[in-house]
Amino acid sequence: ESHIIGSGTILDTARLRYGLSEHYKIAQKNIHAYVFGEHGDTSFIPWSRAHISCANIDEYTTLMNNIGKEIPTLDKDAMGRFFPYADIPAIIDNMKANKGATFYAVSASVCRLCGLLLSAYDSTATVSSMMHGEYGIDDVCLSTLSMIGPNGLKGKVPVPLTDEEVEKLKKSADALKSVIAQIEL
């Protein structure tokens, strides 16, 4: 199981960080925000865990405005619609027009995952792996923050989520379980 890892929401997380970087005009390496759940319609951003330079998203805006860097308030709903595959036809059309295909972003995500597996150190990423009771969810693979290193998946990082975020994760699990139940083997 430590060697069976899905790319999960790595691409979604990269898109989210790009969007936040553009909004806040700060390098992506300073942004720690993630997309959890399935790579699809029920994925979500756990805003309670989104940070920029050691401050949560809301605090960061206030801190920057206090030092004269005018940052507009983040529209979290709009940002939540920015990253999911189903909601980005303009991005896909742009990618097709500029590169002839949409697979480059997925390939970059897989390369990042390979880099994490070949690294000398552990790192964290939102990969998809089997849930074993985390957040009250079993028997389905979901993306949450996980520890990955040279020996594969080390386990899930038990990130504290709000009750609302746990419910969103359970909704994502239920959506995947519904699809799995339709498969005839």
Protein backbone atom coordinates (compact mmCIF):
# COMPACT_ATOMS: atom_id res chain seq x y z
CA GLU A 1 0.00 0.00 0.00
CA SER A 2 2.88 2.40 0.59
CA HIS A 3 3.77 2.07 -3.09
CA ILE A 4 0.29 2.58 -4.54
CA ILE A 5 -0.17 6.32 -4.81
CA GLY A 6 -2.53 8.32 -6.99
CA SER A 7 -1.66 11.78 -8.25
CA GLY A 8 -4.84 12.89 -6.50
CA THR A 9 -5.17 16.64 -6.15
CA ILE A 10 -1.52 17.55 -6.75
CA LEU A 11 -2.53 19.33 -9.97
CA ASP A 12 -5.49 21.03 -8.28
CA THR A 13 -3.22 22.18 -5.45
CA ALA A 14 -0.72 23.58 -7.95
CA ARG A 15 -3.50 25.48 -9.73
CA LEU A 16 -4.78 26.80 -6.38
CA ARG A 17 -1.32 28.01 -5.39
CA TYR A 18 -0.90 29.66 -8.76
CA GLY A 19 -4.22 31.48 -8.32
CA LEU A 20 -3.32 32.59 -4.80
CA SER A 21 0.12 33.69 -5.98
CA GLU A 22 -1.46 35.85 -8.67
CA HIS A 23 -3.98 37.34 -6.22
CA TYR A 24 -1.48 38.11 -3.46
CA LYS A 25 1.47 38.90 -5.78
CA ILE A 26 3.79 36.61 -3.81
CA ALA A 27 5.93 33.62 -4.80
CA GLN A 28 4.18 30.26 -4.68
CA LYS A 29 6.87 28.85 -2.36
CA ASN A 30 5.41 31.09 0.39
CA ILE A 31 1.91 29.64 -0.02
CA HIS A 32 0.75 26.59 1.88
CA ALA A 33 -2.75 25.83 0.70
CA TYR A 34 -4.13 22.51 -0.47
CA VAL A 35 -7.03 20.85 -2.25
CA PHE A 36 -8.49 17.80 -0.51
CA GLY A 37 -10.90 15.05 -1.61
CA GLU A 38 -11.26 13.52 -5.01
CA HIS A 39 -9.88 15.06 -8.19
CA GLY A 40 -13.31 16.20 -9.32
CA ASP A 41 -16.50 17.99 -8.45
CA THR A 42 -16.39 17.31 -4.69
CA SER A 43 -12.82 18.45 -4.09
CA PHE A 44 -12.47 21.44 -1.78
CA ILE A 45 -10.01 23.84 -0.19
CA PRO A 46 -9.61 23.51 3.59
CA TRP A 47 -9.33 27.26 4.12
CA SER A 48 -8.74 26.77 7.84
CA ARG A 49 -5.31 25.38 6.92
CA ALA A 50 -4.36 27.83 4.14
CA HIS A 51 -1.35 29.98 5.06
CA ILE A 52 0.98 32.48 3.46
CA SER A 53 4.26 33.20 5.21
CA CYS A 54 3.10 31.81 8.58
CA ALA A 55 -0.19 33.72 8.61
CA ASN A 56 -3.58 32.34 7.66
CA ILE A 57 -5.06 33.76 4.47
CA ASP A 58 -7.31 36.30 6.21
CA GLU A 59 -4.57 37.48 8.57
CA TYR A 60 -2.11 37.83 5.69
CA THR A 61 -4.39 40.25 3.85
CA THR A 62 -4.70 42.42 6.95
CA LEU A 63 -0.95 42.29 7.67
CA MET A 64 -0.06 43.34 4.14
CA ASN A 65 -2.65 46.12 4.05
CA ASN A 66 -1.27 47.40 7.37
CA ILE A 67 2.19 47.84 5.82
CA GLY A 68 0.87 49.57 2.72
CA LYS A 69 0.65 46.67 0.27
CA GLU A 70 -2.92 46.97 -0.93
CA ILE A 71 -4.41 43.52 -1.37
CA PRO A 72 -8.08 43.10 -2.20
CA THR A 73 -10.11 40.68 -0.13
CA LEU A 74 -9.92 37.15 -1.54
CA ASP A 75 -13.14 35.80 -3.02
CA LYS A 76 -12.79 32.25 -1.67
CA ASP A 77 -15.79 30.97 -3.63
CA ALA A 78 -14.32 32.23 -6.89
CA MET A 79 -10.92 30.75 -6.00
CA GLY A 80 -12.65 27.46 -5.23
CA ARG A 81 -14.09 27.47 -8.75
CA PHE A 82 -10.68 28.27 -10.25
CA PHE A 83 -8.95 24.91 -9.84
CA PRO A 84 -11.41 22.03 -10.48
CA TYR A 85 -11.17 20.32 -13.84
CA ALA A 86 -14.88 20.62 -14.54
CA ASP A 87 -14.86 24.38 -14.08
CA ILE A 88 -11.90 25.47 -16.18
CA PRO A 89 -12.88 25.23 -19.85
CA ALA A 90 -11.16 28.57 -20.52
CA ILE A 91 -7.89 27.24 -19.10
CA ILE A 92 -8.17 24.04 -21.13
CA ASP A 93 -9.01 26.00 -24.30
CA ASN A 94 -6.00 28.24 -23.65
CA MET A 95 -3.73 25.23 -23.09
CA LYS A 96 -4.93 23.63 -26.33
CA ALA A 97 -4.41 26.85 -28.24
CA ASN A 98 -0.90 27.39 -26.88
CA LYS A 99 0.47 23.88 -26.58
CA GLY A 100 -1.81 21.64 -28.59
CA ALA A 101 -2.84 19.50 -25.60
CA THR A 102 -3.85 19.52 -21.95
CA PHE A 103 -1.54 16.76 -20.73
CA TYR A 104 1.43 18.97 -19.84
CA ALA A 105 0.05 19.96 -16.44
CA VAL A 106 -0.72 16.35 -15.56
CA SER A 107 2.76 15.31 -16.69
CA ALA A 108 4.32 18.03 -14.55
CA SER A 109 2.35 16.74 -11.56
CA VAL A 110 3.50 13.17 -12.14
CA CYS A 111 7.10 14.40 -12.48
CA ARG A 112 6.73 16.22 -9.16
CA LEU A 113 5.43 13.02 -7.54
CA CYS A 114 8.37 11.05 -8.99
CA GLY A 115 10.75 13.70 -7.66
CA LEU A 116 9.26 13.32 -4.18
CA LEU A 117 9.74 9.55 -4.36
CA LEU A 118 13.35 9.92 -5.50
CA SER A 119 14.24 12.63 -3.00
CA ALA A 120 16.54 11.98 -0.07
CA TYR A 121 14.03 13.62 2.29
CA ASP A 122 10.39 13.23 3.14
CA SER A 123 7.93 15.79 1.88
CA THR A 124 4.20 16.38 1.93
CA ALA A 125 1.75 16.38 -0.97
CA THR A 126 -1.95 15.88 -1.59
CA VAL A 127 -1.78 12.43 -3.12
CA SER A 128 -4.57 9.90 -3.22
CA SER A 129 -4.22 6.87 -0.99
CA MET A 130 -6.42 4.51 0.99
CA MET A 131 -8.24 5.97 3.97
CA HIS A 132 -8.14 3.86 7.13
CA GLY A 133 -10.41 5.73 9.52
CA GLU A 134 -8.89 9.18 9.08
CA TYR A 135 -11.68 11.73 9.50
CA GLY A 136 -14.09 8.81 9.95
CA ILE A 137 -13.54 7.57 6.38
CA ASP A 138 -12.63 4.00 5.37
CA ASP A 139 -12.19 1.90 2.23
CA VAL A 140 -11.76 4.60 -0.38
CA CYS A 141 -8.77 6.50 -1.73
CA LEU A 142 -8.84 10.27 -1.26
CA SER A 143 -6.37 13.10 -1.39
CA THR A 144 -5.38 14.58 1.92
CA LEU A 145 -1.99 15.79 3.02
CA SER A 146 0.36 12.81 3.02
CA MET A 147 4.02 12.21 3.84
CA ILE A 148 6.00 10.87 0.88
CA GLY A 149 9.65 9.98 0.64
CA PRO A 150 12.19 7.65 -0.88
CA ASN A 151 10.36 4.58 0.46
CA GLY A 152 6.96 5.65 -0.82
CA LEU A 153 3.95 6.78 1.13
CA LYS A 154 4.70 7.13 4.83
CA GLY A 155 1.11 7.92 5.82
CA LYS A 156 -1.46 10.64 6.10
CA VAL A 157 -0.59 13.85 7.97
CA PRO A 158 -3.43 14.26 10.51
CA VAL A 159 -4.29 17.85 9.62
CA PRO A 160 -6.95 19.26 11.95
CA LEU A 161 -9.99 20.24 9.89
CA THR A 162 -13.13 22.12 10.85
CA ASP A 163 -16.36 20.13 11.16
CA GLU A 164 -17.54 21.65 7.87
CA GLU A 165 -14.32 20.57 6.12
CA VAL A 166 -14.64 17.02 7.48
CA GLU A 167 -18.19 16.91 6.09
CA LYS A 168 -16.90 18.03 2.69
CA LEU A 169 -14.27 15.28 2.79
CA LYS A 170 -16.94 12.71 3.67
CA LYS A 171 -19.08 13.98 0.79
CA SER A 172 -16.12 13.46 -1.52
CA ALA A 173 -15.62 9.93 -0.17
CA ASP A 174 -19.31 9.15 -0.67
CA ALA A 175 -19.16 10.41 -4.27
CA LEU A 176 -16.23 8.09 -5.03
CA LYS A 177 -17.88 5.16 -3.25
CA SER A 178 -20.98 5.72 -5.38
CA VAL A 179 -18.92 5.50 -8.57
CA ILE A 180 -17.10 2.39 -7.28
CA ALA A 181 -20.43 0.71 -6.49
CA GLN A 182 -21.41 1.03 -10.16
CA ILE A 183 -18.39 -0.92 -11.37
CA GLU A 184 -19.14 -4.51 -12.31
CA LEU A 185 -16.19 -6.83 -11.78
